[in-house]
Amino acid sequence: QVQLVESGGGLVQAGGSLRLSCAASGRTFSIYAMGWFRQAPGKEREFVAAISWSGGSTYYADSVKGRFTISRDNAKNTMALQMNSLKPEETAVYYCARRTKALVGLWATQRSTDYDSWGQGTQVTVSS
């Protein structure tokens, strides 16, 4: 089982930026698609972005398109989420997750049940 550890969260003013990182253990990181989710207090976990195993394809929630960028470095077993123009309503705990194995071309999914390993999360607070 892979272990995922997020970092980079913190307090930022509205309109500001943060870069989250996810470090993965194990030697199979590069064969799985990965994703970012977030969960605000009292709300369900929400999909943010996902990236294919190679990093060549990305997939975003409509709410973050054009502002967030997901990337990965398979040589370092890491994934990142660059978040720009943050909004107060994006205050949440952000989680990285590993996609379960999928057929070629079918890796992109917003369903949390399609991800089988999760980090502990990192808090992002956007002040108004």
Protein backbone atom coordinates (compact mmCIF):
# COMPACT_ATOMS: atom_id res chain seq x y z
CA GLN A 1 0.00 0.00 0.00
CA VAL A 2 1.35 3.41 -0.92
CA GLN A 3 1.72 6.15 1.67
CA LEU A 4 0.89 9.69 0.65
CA VAL A 5 1.93 12.80 2.58
CA GLU A 6 0.68 16.27 1.71
CA SER A 7 2.40 19.51 2.59
CA GLY A 8 2.30 23.17 1.67
CA GLY A 9 -0.99 24.24 3.16
CA GLY A 10 -1.40 27.40 5.15
CA LEU A 11 -3.13 30.73 5.46
CA VAL A 12 -3.35 32.99 2.43
CA GLN A 13 -5.36 36.07 1.54
CA ALA A 14 -8.00 35.96 -1.14
CA GLY A 15 -6.36 36.29 -4.54
CA GLY A 16 -3.16 34.76 -3.29
CA SER A 17 -1.36 31.56 -4.22
CA LEU A 18 -0.23 28.36 -2.59
CA ARG A 19 1.60 25.30 -3.86
CA LEU A 20 0.70 21.96 -2.36
CA SER A 21 2.92 18.92 -2.59
CA CYS A 22 2.23 15.23 -2.23
CA ALA A 23 5.06 12.79 -1.56
CA ALA A 24 4.46 9.12 -2.24
CA SER A 25 6.28 6.08 -0.94
CA GLY A 26 6.90 2.95 -2.96
CA ARG A 27 8.16 2.12 -6.42
CA THR A 28 4.86 2.04 -8.27
CA PHE A 29 3.96 5.73 -8.10
CA SER A 30 4.62 6.26 -11.79
CA ILE A 31 2.09 3.70 -13.00
CA TYR A 32 -0.94 5.29 -11.34
CA ALA A 33 -2.97 8.36 -12.11
CA MET A 34 -3.26 10.69 -9.15
CA GLY A 35 -5.70 13.28 -7.94
CA TRP A 36 -6.39 16.12 -5.53
CA PHE A 37 -9.59 16.50 -3.54
CA ARG A 38 -10.72 18.94 -0.89
CA GLN A 39 -13.21 18.92 1.93
CA ALA A 40 -14.60 21.94 3.69
CA PRO A 41 -16.24 21.69 7.12
CA GLY A 42 -19.71 20.24 6.87
CA LYS A 43 -19.35 19.47 3.18
CA GLU A 44 -18.65 16.40 1.13
CA ARG A 45 -15.22 15.69 -0.29
CA GLU A 46 -14.89 17.43 -3.64
CA PHE A 47 -12.76 16.62 -6.66
CA VAL A 48 -10.21 19.27 -7.63
CA ALA A 49 -7.84 17.88 -10.25
CA ALA A 50 -6.27 14.69 -11.57
CA ILE A 51 -3.25 13.77 -13.63
CA SER A 52 -2.45 10.73 -15.73
CA TRP A 53 0.36 8.34 -14.84
CA SER A 54 2.76 10.02 -17.24
CA GLY A 55 1.70 13.55 -16.43
CA GLY A 56 0.79 14.09 -20.04
CA SER A 57 -2.92 14.53 -19.39
CA THR A 58 -4.72 16.52 -16.76
CA TYR A 59 -8.33 16.92 -15.67
CA TYR A 60 -9.83 19.73 -13.59
CA ALA A 61 -13.03 20.56 -11.85
CA ASP A 62 -14.73 23.42 -13.65
CA SER A 63 -14.43 25.60 -10.57
CA VAL A 64 -10.63 25.61 -10.66
CA LYS A 65 -9.87 25.56 -14.39
CA GLY A 66 -7.48 28.30 -15.36
CA ARG A 67 -6.40 28.93 -11.77
CA PHE A 68 -5.01 25.60 -10.54
CA THR A 69 -2.31 23.49 -12.15
CA ILE A 70 -1.58 19.88 -11.30
CA SER A 71 1.79 18.34 -12.06
CA ARG A 72 3.92 15.38 -11.11
CA ASP A 73 7.55 14.29 -11.05
CA ASN A 74 7.74 10.52 -11.31
CA ALA A 75 11.50 10.50 -10.73
CA LYS A 76 10.88 12.04 -7.31
CA ASN A 77 7.57 10.32 -6.52
CA THR A 78 5.88 13.68 -6.04
CA MET A 79 2.83 15.52 -7.22
CA ALA A 80 1.99 19.18 -6.87
CA LEU A 81 -0.99 21.49 -7.06
CA GLN A 82 -0.29 25.12 -7.84
CA MET A 83 -3.26 27.21 -6.73
CA ASN A 84 -3.63 30.80 -7.88
CA SER A 85 -6.32 33.41 -7.33
CA LEU A 86 -7.61 31.58 -4.30
CA LYS A 87 -11.07 32.34 -2.97
CA PRO A 88 -12.35 32.21 0.62
CA GLU A 89 -14.82 29.47 -0.30
CA GLU A 90 -11.85 27.28 -1.20
CA THR A 91 -10.88 26.99 2.43
CA ALA A 92 -10.69 23.26 3.06
CA VAL A 93 -8.49 20.32 3.85
CA TYR A 94 -6.79 19.25 0.64
CA TYR A 95 -6.02 15.59 0.03
CA CYS A 96 -3.94 13.78 -2.54
CA ALA A 97 -5.09 10.38 -3.67
CA ARG A 98 -4.04 7.52 -5.88
CA ARG A 99 -6.37 6.43 -8.65
CA THR A 100 -7.17 2.73 -8.82
CA LYS A 101 -5.94 0.98 -11.93
CA ALA A 102 -7.98 1.92 -14.95
CA LEU A 103 -8.25 0.97 -18.58
CA VAL A 104 -6.19 3.05 -20.96
CA GLY A 105 -7.97 6.30 -21.65
CA LEU A 106 -10.38 5.91 -18.75
CA TRP A 107 -8.25 7.20 -15.89
CA ALA A 108 -9.94 10.59 -15.52
CA THR A 109 -12.61 10.50 -12.85
CA GLN A 110 -14.08 12.79 -10.21
CA ARG A 111 -15.46 9.95 -8.09
CA SER A 112 -13.65 9.59 -4.78
CA THR A 113 -14.48 5.88 -4.80
CA ASP A 114 -12.18 5.49 -7.81
CA TYR A 115 -9.20 6.38 -5.62
CA ASP A 116 -7.85 3.82 -3.19
CA SER A 117 -5.11 5.54 -1.20
CA TRP A 118 -5.34 8.90 0.57
CA GLY A 119 -3.03 11.19 2.42
CA GLN A 120 -3.85 12.77 5.77
CA GLY A 121 -4.60 16.14 4.21
CA THR A 122 -3.23 19.63 4.51
CA GLN A 123 -5.27 22.64 5.63
CA VAL A 124 -5.69 25.58 3.27
CA THR A 125 -7.32 28.69 4.71
CA VAL A 126 -8.16 31.62 2.46
CA SER A 127 -9.02 34.80 4.28
CA SER A 128 -11.25 37.47 2.81
